[in-house]
């Protein structure tokens, strides 16, 4: 679909987290990148994108146009700070009123709603009905799947989330699954309700590309001859950092360093988890070879990927796996758990290695193979970038535009039948 065919005005709901928020915190990650970059790519094709999110800081502007045709609208709903996602339920009426107030003041109207995450789905259904427009929903993660692997009470999802997810799936015109595995899990745990279409997340292929390893390591202050393992992600137990540290301890004979990128202390749980992992690293005797980098700006990540010999993802659940796509785009192989979207992104033996489950010895064995076998590493690295060239945001945006056109045509046909009736 060419840009001259597009005049869509899309209301994007991302209630609990702002797509412009710094990455690496408890509630910020791949979804923030997804919403932001999809909006940018759609706007580049002529669509008008308004992303509604809850204001979490008093000093942010009401409206931020971050790309031509794509803007973020901050709605006052609750305190101007991070709030637990379940507490946000109390502020849904305020958020709904804020959106209606914005529309009344600006005269904005929309052709379609795209809801992200379960919290947004609750309001998306309300607005879709009131505005008489179709709604597309993307969940990014699912309560049923997260609860199967949750290791602590803080990571367990409540029944209300499952119920809202179920209702959103039933009431949406289309559901976007990020992988075929994601689609199958929706059908298994939530039933076949709205039609489910598979459209993966994307990656900025201009930003995420291989950089010279020597200069990347020089930038980060890393020695040129040492092997470098890289973890990028939120500091949560389901990301498997304890498994990674234990696996790293089994590689003591290798001259290697582990970089852990992510973590923005601000919640009690995250601060405690970082401290727990630092103590574990000391107990395992790898503290001196492990660097807790903390969160870094998204635009700096290509330097880290390019400096590393391998990216490691010992997750227990990934609906998609943006980190894997970014790493492969930078030419860096990935060793990951064989779960969720990772099974469709990492090609075992071609662009990385998949581990059956989060077992430290199994991870150590796979990592040793990649780090010690130069022929294997070279083959994986050579295949890496080409394997993700189909994940560019241009293509992903085109697939969304085709989907939007389909649901709008279907809605017009349904309305026409109702009028004739």
Protein backbone atom coordinates (compact mmCIF):
# COMPACT_ATOMS: atom_id res chain seq x y z
CA UNK A 1 0.00 0.00 0.00
CA UNK A 2 1.59 3.29 -1.04
CA UNK A 3 1.58 6.46 1.02
CA UNK A 4 -0.93 8.16 -1.31
CA UNK A 5 -3.49 5.46 -0.41
CA UNK A 6 -3.30 6.28 3.28
CA UNK A 7 -5.31 8.91 5.10
CA UNK A 8 -6.04 6.93 8.24
CA UNK A 9 -6.38 8.58 11.62
CA UNK A 10 -5.49 6.02 14.26
CA UNK A 11 -5.95 6.25 18.02
CA UNK A 12 -3.28 4.11 19.67
CA UNK A 13 -3.85 3.19 23.32
CA UNK A 14 -0.78 2.48 25.45
CA UNK A 15 -2.16 3.38 28.82
CA UNK A 16 0.30 1.99 31.35
CA UNK A 17 3.61 2.90 29.71
CA UNK A 18 4.75 5.73 27.46
CA UNK A 19 6.53 4.78 24.21
CA UNK A 20 8.95 7.65 24.82
CA UNK A 21 9.94 6.45 28.31
CA UNK A 22 13.56 5.42 28.96
CA UNK A 23 14.04 1.69 28.46
CA UNK A 24 15.34 -0.89 30.89
CA UNK A 25 12.95 -0.38 33.80
CA UNK A 26 10.41 -2.73 35.35
CA UNK A 27 7.59 -1.72 32.99
CA UNK A 28 9.61 -0.52 29.98
CA UNK A 29 11.02 -2.68 27.24
CA UNK A 30 10.20 -4.12 23.85
CA UNK A 31 6.59 -2.95 23.86
CA UNK A 32 7.65 0.67 24.22
CA UNK A 33 9.94 0.32 21.20
CA UNK A 34 7.20 -1.48 19.25
CA UNK A 35 4.54 1.19 19.81
CA UNK A 36 6.92 4.06 19.13
CA UNK A 37 8.51 2.67 15.98
CA UNK A 38 5.32 1.27 14.49
CA UNK A 39 3.74 4.72 14.94
CA UNK A 40 6.72 6.36 13.26
CA UNK A 41 6.60 3.95 10.30
CA UNK A 42 2.84 4.30 9.85
CA UNK A 43 3.09 8.09 9.94
CA UNK A 44 5.84 7.97 7.31
CA UNK A 45 3.26 6.34 5.06
CA UNK A 46 0.76 9.14 5.55
CA UNK A 47 -1.31 7.90 8.49
CA UNK A 48 -2.00 10.21 11.44
CA UNK A 49 -1.03 8.54 14.71
CA UNK A 50 -2.14 9.72 18.17
CA UNK A 51 -0.74 7.57 21.00
CA UNK A 52 -2.62 8.06 24.27
CA UNK A 53 -0.68 7.24 27.43
CA UNK A 54 -0.88 8.05 31.14
CA UNK A 55 1.20 11.04 32.25
CA UNK A 56 3.91 9.85 34.64
CA UNK A 57 5.85 13.09 35.08
CA UNK A 58 4.57 16.61 35.72
CA UNK A 59 7.09 18.27 33.40
CA UNK A 60 6.23 16.45 30.16
CA UNK A 61 4.28 18.32 27.49
CA UNK A 62 0.64 17.46 26.93
CA UNK A 63 1.36 16.62 23.28
CA UNK A 64 4.74 15.50 21.93
CA UNK A 65 5.14 15.07 18.17
CA UNK A 66 8.10 12.69 18.00
CA UNK A 67 7.91 12.22 14.23
CA UNK A 68 5.95 14.00 11.47
CA UNK A 69 2.38 12.74 11.82
CA UNK A 70 3.04 10.74 15.00
CA UNK A 71 2.45 12.21 18.44
CA UNK A 72 2.12 11.10 22.05
CA UNK A 73 -0.72 12.58 24.12
CA UNK A 74 -0.17 12.48 27.88
CA UNK A 75 -3.42 12.08 29.82
CA UNK A 76 -3.78 12.99 33.49
CA UNK A 77 -4.98 9.87 35.30
CA UNK A 78 -3.63 9.34 38.78
CA UNK A 79 -0.34 10.57 40.24
CA UNK A 80 2.43 11.82 37.98
CA UNK A 81 4.74 8.89 38.69
CA UNK A 82 5.05 5.18 38.11
CA UNK A 83 2.03 3.30 39.42
CA UNK A 84 1.61 -0.46 39.65
CA UNK A 85 -0.34 -1.70 36.65
CA UNK A 86 -3.14 -3.12 38.79
CA UNK A 87 -3.52 0.16 40.64
CA UNK A 88 -3.97 1.84 37.27
CA UNK A 89 -7.34 0.11 37.00
CA UNK A 90 -8.63 2.66 39.52
CA UNK A 91 -7.73 5.45 37.08
CA UNK A 92 -9.43 4.05 33.98
CA UNK A 93 -12.39 6.49 34.30
CA UNK A 94 -10.00 9.46 34.53
CA UNK A 95 -8.08 8.22 31.51
CA UNK A 96 -11.28 7.76 29.50
CA UNK A 97 -12.48 11.27 30.42
CA UNK A 98 -9.10 12.70 29.47
CA UNK A 99 -9.27 11.19 25.99
CA UNK A 100 -12.82 12.44 25.47
CA UNK A 101 -11.80 15.89 26.69
CA UNK A 102 -8.87 15.95 24.23
CA UNK A 103 -11.19 15.03 21.37
CA UNK A 104 -13.72 17.69 22.36
CA UNK A 105 -11.06 20.42 22.59
CA UNK A 106 -9.23 19.53 19.38
CA UNK A 107 -12.03 18.12 17.24
CA UNK A 108 -10.01 14.96 16.67
CA UNK A 109 -11.77 11.91 15.27
CA UNK A 110 -10.40 8.50 14.43
CA UNK A 111 -10.95 5.78 11.86
CA UNK A 112 -9.59 2.95 13.96
CA UNK A 113 -8.28 2.06 17.42
CA UNK A 114 -5.15 -0.01 18.00
CA UNK A 115 -4.94 -1.18 21.60
CA UNK A 116 -1.67 -2.36 23.18
CA UNK A 117 -1.58 -4.52 26.32
CA UNK A 118 -4.52 -5.68 28.40
CA UNK A 119 -5.10 -2.43 30.29
CA UNK A 120 -5.63 -0.55 27.05
CA UNK A 121 -8.00 -3.25 25.82
CA UNK A 122 -10.47 -2.48 28.58
CA UNK A 123 -10.88 1.11 27.38
CA UNK A 124 -10.43 0.27 23.72
CA UNK A 125 -13.63 -1.75 23.70
CA UNK A 126 -15.52 1.16 25.25
CA UNK A 127 -14.27 3.70 22.71
CA UNK A 128 -14.70 1.38 19.74
CA UNK A 129 -18.36 1.03 20.63
CA UNK A 130 -18.88 4.74 21.36
CA UNK A 131 -17.03 6.01 18.30
CA UNK A 132 -18.36 3.32 15.96
CA UNK A 133 -14.90 2.32 14.70
CA UNK A 134 -13.09 -1.04 14.48
CA UNK A 135 -10.46 -2.08 17.00
CA UNK A 136 -7.24 -4.04 16.56
CA UNK A 137 -5.51 -5.40 19.68
CA UNK A 138 -1.94 -6.50 20.41
CA UNK A 139 -1.26 -8.03 23.83
CA UNK A 140 2.57 -8.42 23.80
CA UNK A 141 2.38 -10.77 26.82
CA UNK A 142 -0.39 -12.98 28.20
CA UNK A 143 -1.40 -13.58 31.82
CA UNK A 144 -1.83 -17.33 31.42
CA UNK A 145 1.63 -17.77 29.94
CA UNK A 146 3.37 -15.53 32.47
CA UNK A 147 1.75 -17.34 35.40
CA UNK A 148 3.01 -20.69 34.13
CA UNK A 149 6.60 -19.54 34.60
CA UNK A 150 6.33 -16.94 37.40
CA UNK A 151 8.86 -17.55 40.16
CA UNK A 152 7.72 -14.91 42.64
CA UNK A 153 4.45 -13.38 43.78
CA UNK A 154 5.52 -10.07 42.20
CA UNK A 155 5.58 -11.72 38.78
CA UNK A 156 2.21 -13.48 39.06
CA UNK A 157 -0.74 -11.96 37.21
CA UNK A 158 -4.17 -11.54 38.77
CA UNK A 159 -7.44 -13.06 37.56
CA UNK A 160 -8.75 -9.64 36.51
CA UNK A 161 -6.05 -9.42 33.85
CA UNK A 162 -7.04 -12.76 32.34
CA UNK A 163 -10.68 -11.72 32.28
CA UNK A 164 -9.91 -8.40 30.54
CA UNK A 165 -7.70 -10.21 28.02
CA UNK A 166 -10.48 -12.70 27.31
CA UNK A 167 -13.07 -9.94 26.80
CA UNK A 168 -10.73 -7.92 24.62
CA UNK A 169 -10.07 -10.91 22.40
CA UNK A 170 -13.80 -11.49 22.08
CA UNK A 171 -14.64 -7.84 21.34
CA UNK A 172 -11.81 -6.85 18.97
CA UNK A 173 -12.17 -6.92 15.20
CA UNK A 174 -8.69 -8.45 14.87
CA UNK A 175 -5.96 -9.65 17.19
CA UNK A 176 -2.30 -9.24 16.21
CA UNK A 177 -0.06 -12.09 17.37
CA UNK A 178 3.68 -11.44 17.17
CA UNK A 179 4.60 -14.99 16.16
CA UNK A 180 2.86 -18.16 15.10
CA UNK A 181 3.66 -19.58 18.53
CA UNK A 182 1.98 -16.55 20.10
CA UNK A 183 -1.12 -17.22 17.98
CA UNK A 184 -1.24 -20.88 18.96
CA UNK A 185 -1.00 -19.98 22.64
CA UNK A 186 -3.87 -17.51 22.32
CA UNK A 187 -6.05 -20.15 20.70
CA UNK A 188 -5.13 -22.72 23.33
CA UNK A 189 -5.57 -20.59 26.44
CA UNK A 190 -8.20 -18.06 25.34
CA UNK A 191 -10.16 -19.81 22.59
CA UNK A 192 -10.72 -18.78 19.00
CA UNK A 193 -12.71 -15.56 19.31
CA UNK A 194 -11.66 -12.64 17.09
CA UNK A 195 -9.58 -13.60 14.02
CA UNK A 196 -5.86 -13.68 14.90
CA UNK A 197 -3.31 -12.37 12.38
CA UNK A 198 0.44 -12.92 12.76
CA UNK A 199 2.53 -9.75 12.26
CA UNK A 200 5.92 -9.75 13.99
CA UNK A 201 7.58 -6.88 15.77
CA UNK A 202 10.18 -4.93 13.86
CA UNK A 203 13.68 -3.54 14.07
CA UNK A 204 15.30 -0.37 12.75
CA UNK A 205 17.72 -1.96 10.28
CA UNK A 206 19.51 1.34 9.69
CA UNK A 207 20.30 1.76 13.37
CA UNK A 208 20.84 -1.89 14.26
CA UNK A 209 23.60 -3.04 11.96
CA UNK A 210 27.09 -4.50 12.47
CA UNK A 211 29.74 -2.08 13.69
CA UNK A 212 33.49 -2.81 13.73
CA UNK A 213 34.06 -4.88 16.87
CA UNK A 214 37.36 -3.25 17.70
CA UNK A 215 35.93 0.27 17.74
CA UNK A 216 32.77 -0.88 19.57
CA UNK A 217 34.90 -2.41 22.33
CA UNK A 218 37.09 0.64 22.48
CA UNK A 219 34.00 2.80 22.98
CA UNK A 220 32.83 0.59 25.87
CA UNK A 221 36.27 0.21 27.42
CA UNK A 222 36.42 -3.54 26.78
CA UNK A 223 39.64 -5.49 26.09
CA UNK A 224 40.01 -6.60 22.48
CA UNK A 225 41.08 -10.19 23.16
CA UNK A 226 38.53 -11.25 25.78
CA UNK A 227 35.29 -13.06 24.96
CA UNK A 228 32.21 -10.94 25.74
CA UNK A 229 28.78 -12.29 26.66
CA UNK A 230 25.86 -9.87 26.60
CA UNK A 231 22.47 -9.80 28.29
CA UNK A 232 19.99 -7.02 27.42
CA UNK A 233 16.63 -6.77 29.13
CA UNK A 234 14.60 -6.02 32.22
CA UNK A 235 15.86 -7.31 35.54
CA UNK A 236 13.13 -9.83 36.26
CA UNK A 237 13.39 -13.46 37.27
CA UNK A 238 11.56 -14.67 34.20
CA UNK A 239 14.45 -13.27 32.14
CA UNK A 240 16.70 -15.98 33.61
CA UNK A 241 19.66 -13.97 34.88
CA UNK A 242 20.32 -16.40 37.72
CA UNK A 243 20.69 -19.20 35.17
CA UNK A 244 23.05 -17.02 33.15
CA UNK A 245 25.26 -16.23 36.14
CA UNK A 246 25.45 -19.91 37.10
CA UNK A 247 26.28 -20.86 33.52
CA UNK A 248 28.93 -18.14 33.37
CA UNK A 249 30.52 -19.55 36.52
CA UNK A 250 30.95 -22.88 34.69
CA UNK A 251 33.02 -21.09 32.04
CA UNK A 252 35.69 -20.00 34.51
CA UNK A 253 38.47 -21.41 32.31
CA UNK A 254 37.58 -19.01 29.50
CA UNK A 255 38.88 -15.45 29.41
CA UNK A 256 35.42 -13.94 29.25
CA UNK A 257 33.37 -11.03 30.55
CA UNK A 258 29.61 -10.74 31.06
CA UNK A 259 27.76 -7.48 30.44
CA UNK A 260 24.26 -7.12 31.93
CA UNK A 261 22.49 -4.20 30.26
CA UNK A 262 19.19 -3.21 31.84
CA UNK A 263 17.73 -2.30 35.17
CA UNK A 264 16.61 1.10 36.29
CA UNK A 265 16.22 0.94 40.08
CA UNK A 266 13.03 2.67 41.06
CA UNK A 267 10.79 -0.06 42.32
CA UNK A 268 11.41 -2.04 45.48
CA UNK A 269 11.30 -5.33 43.63
CA UNK A 270 13.77 -4.32 40.92
CA UNK A 271 16.24 -2.86 43.39
CA UNK A 272 16.08 -6.03 45.47
CA UNK A 273 16.51 -8.23 42.41
CA UNK A 274 19.60 -6.33 41.26
CA UNK A 275 21.11 -6.61 44.74
CA UNK A 276 20.28 -10.34 44.88
CA UNK A 277 21.99 -10.96 41.54
CA UNK A 278 25.07 -8.98 42.55
CA UNK A 279 25.36 -11.06 45.73
CA UNK A 280 24.92 -14.24 43.67
CA UNK A 281 27.68 -13.15 41.27
CA UNK A 282 29.99 -12.63 44.24
CA UNK A 283 29.06 -16.01 45.73
CA UNK A 284 29.74 -17.75 42.39
CA UNK A 285 33.10 -16.01 42.05
CA UNK A 286 32.21 -14.13 38.85
CA UNK A 287 31.63 -10.63 40.26
CA UNK A 288 34.94 -9.31 38.93
CA UNK A 289 34.10 -10.54 35.43
CA UNK A 290 30.47 -9.36 35.49
CA UNK A 291 29.51 -5.78 34.78
CA UNK A 292 26.03 -4.55 35.75
CA UNK A 293 25.81 -1.74 33.22
CA UNK A 294 22.27 -0.62 34.02
CA UNK A 295 19.87 0.82 31.47
CA UNK A 296 21.33 2.54 28.42
CA UNK A 297 19.64 4.64 25.71
CA UNK A 298 18.17 2.50 22.95
CA UNK A 299 20.32 4.16 20.30
CA UNK A 300 23.48 2.96 22.11
CA UNK A 301 22.55 -0.72 22.03
CA UNK A 302 24.10 -1.43 18.59
CA UNK A 303 27.49 -0.67 20.11
CA UNK A 304 26.92 -3.29 22.82
CA UNK A 305 25.64 -5.91 20.40
CA UNK A 306 28.55 -5.31 18.03
CA UNK A 307 31.08 -5.53 20.86
CA UNK A 308 29.76 -8.89 22.06
CA UNK A 309 30.65 -12.35 20.83
CA UNK A 310 27.21 -13.67 21.77
CA UNK A 311 23.93 -12.42 23.21
CA UNK A 312 22.29 -14.63 25.81
CA UNK A 313 18.53 -14.89 26.45
CA UNK A 314 17.79 -17.50 29.15
CA UNK A 315 14.15 -16.36 29.42
CA UNK A 316 11.31 -18.56 30.59
CA UNK A 317 8.82 -16.61 28.45
CA UNK A 318 9.12 -14.31 25.43
CA UNK A 319 6.08 -13.56 23.29
CA UNK A 320 8.40 -12.13 20.61
CA UNK A 321 12.04 -11.51 21.52
CA UNK A 322 13.06 -8.06 20.29
CA UNK A 323 16.54 -8.38 21.81
CA UNK A 324 17.21 -11.43 19.64
CA UNK A 325 16.17 -9.57 16.47
CA UNK A 326 18.32 -6.54 17.38
CA UNK A 327 21.33 -8.72 18.16
CA UNK A 328 21.05 -10.69 14.93
CA UNK A 329 20.62 -7.45 12.97
CA UNK A 330 24.00 -6.41 14.39
CA UNK A 331 25.57 -9.71 13.29
CA UNK A 332 25.84 -11.18 16.79
CA UNK A 333 24.68 -14.79 17.36
CA UNK A 334 22.15 -15.57 20.09
CA UNK A 335 22.01 -18.41 22.61
CA UNK A 336 18.47 -18.58 23.97
CA UNK A 337 15.91 -20.76 25.66
CA UNK A 338 13.63 -22.65 23.30
CA UNK A 339 10.48 -20.74 24.34
CA UNK A 340 7.83 -18.56 22.72
CA UNK A 341 8.84 -16.25 19.91
CA UNK A 342 12.53 -17.11 20.29
CA UNK A 343 11.90 -20.40 18.52
CA UNK A 344 10.90 -18.56 15.35
CA UNK A 345 13.60 -15.87 15.50
CA UNK A 346 16.72 -17.85 16.45
CA UNK A 347 17.46 -20.57 13.91
CA UNK A 348 19.14 -23.34 15.85
CA UNK A 349 22.55 -24.05 14.36
CA UNK A 350 22.19 -21.31 11.74
CA UNK A 351 22.03 -17.96 13.58
CA UNK A 352 22.38 -19.13 17.17
CA UNK A 353 21.75 -22.05 19.48
CA UNK A 354 18.55 -22.92 21.33
CA UNK A 355 18.58 -24.53 24.76
CA UNK A 356 15.69 -26.87 25.70
CA UNK A 357 15.17 -25.23 29.08
CA UNK A 358 16.73 -22.87 31.59
CA UNK A 359 19.44 -25.18 32.84
CA UNK A 360 22.80 -23.64 33.74
CA UNK A 361 24.83 -26.62 32.55
CA UNK A 362 23.03 -26.73 29.21
CA UNK A 363 23.55 -23.00 28.71
CA UNK A 364 27.21 -23.30 29.66
CA UNK A 365 27.67 -26.12 27.12
CA UNK A 366 26.05 -24.12 24.28
CA UNK A 367 27.96 -20.97 25.18
CA UNK A 368 31.24 -22.86 25.28
CA UNK A 369 30.57 -24.21 21.79
CA UNK A 370 29.90 -20.74 20.35
CA UNK A 371 32.83 -19.11 22.11
CA UNK A 372 35.39 -21.87 21.47
CA UNK A 373 34.52 -23.01 17.94
CA UNK A 374 35.57 -20.16 15.65
CA UNK A 375 34.15 -21.90 12.57
CA UNK A 376 30.73 -22.27 14.23
CA UNK A 377 30.76 -18.69 15.49
CA UNK A 378 31.72 -17.37 12.07
CA UNK A 379 28.88 -19.26 10.40
CA UNK A 380 26.31 -18.07 12.92
CA UNK A 381 27.50 -14.46 12.65
CA UNK A 382 27.50 -14.58 8.84
CA UNK A 383 23.89 -15.77 8.73
CA UNK A 384 22.64 -13.50 11.52
CA UNK A 385 21.74 -10.22 9.81
CA UNK A 386 20.28 -11.72 6.65
CA UNK A 387 17.90 -13.82 8.77
CA UNK A 388 16.12 -10.71 10.12
CA UNK A 389 16.02 -8.45 7.06
CA UNK A 390 12.30 -9.16 6.79
CA UNK A 391 11.70 -7.49 10.16
CA UNK A 392 12.26 -3.92 8.96
CA UNK A 393 9.60 -1.48 10.16
CA UNK A 394 8.66 -0.50 6.60
CA UNK A 395 7.40 -4.01 5.90
CA UNK A 396 5.75 -4.34 9.31
CA UNK A 397 3.92 -1.03 8.81
CA UNK A 398 2.68 -2.14 5.39
CA UNK A 399 1.28 -5.33 6.89
CA UNK A 400 -0.54 -3.31 9.55
CA UNK A 401 -1.97 -0.93 6.96
CA UNK A 402 -3.29 -3.88 4.96
CA UNK A 403 -4.88 -5.24 8.15
CA UNK A 404 -6.42 -1.86 9.02
CA UNK A 405 -7.87 -1.60 5.53
CA UNK A 406 -9.36 -5.07 5.84
CA UNK A 407 -11.11 -4.43 9.16
CA UNK A 408 -12.43 -1.05 7.99
CA UNK A 409 -13.85 -2.61 4.82
CA UNK A 410 -15.44 -5.34 6.89
CA UNK A 411 -16.95 -2.79 9.27
CA UNK A 412 -18.38 -0.75 6.36
CA UNK A 413 -19.93 -3.90 4.88
CA UNK A 414 -21.45 -4.83 8.23
CA UNK A 415 -22.83 -1.32 8.71
CA UNK A 416 -24.32 -1.36 5.20
CA UNK A 417 -26.11 -4.63 5.91
CA UNK A 418 -27.46 -3.20 9.18
CA UNK A 419 -28.78 -0.09 7.38
CA UNK A 420 -30.50 -2.18 4.71
CA UNK A 421 -31.98 -4.38 7.43
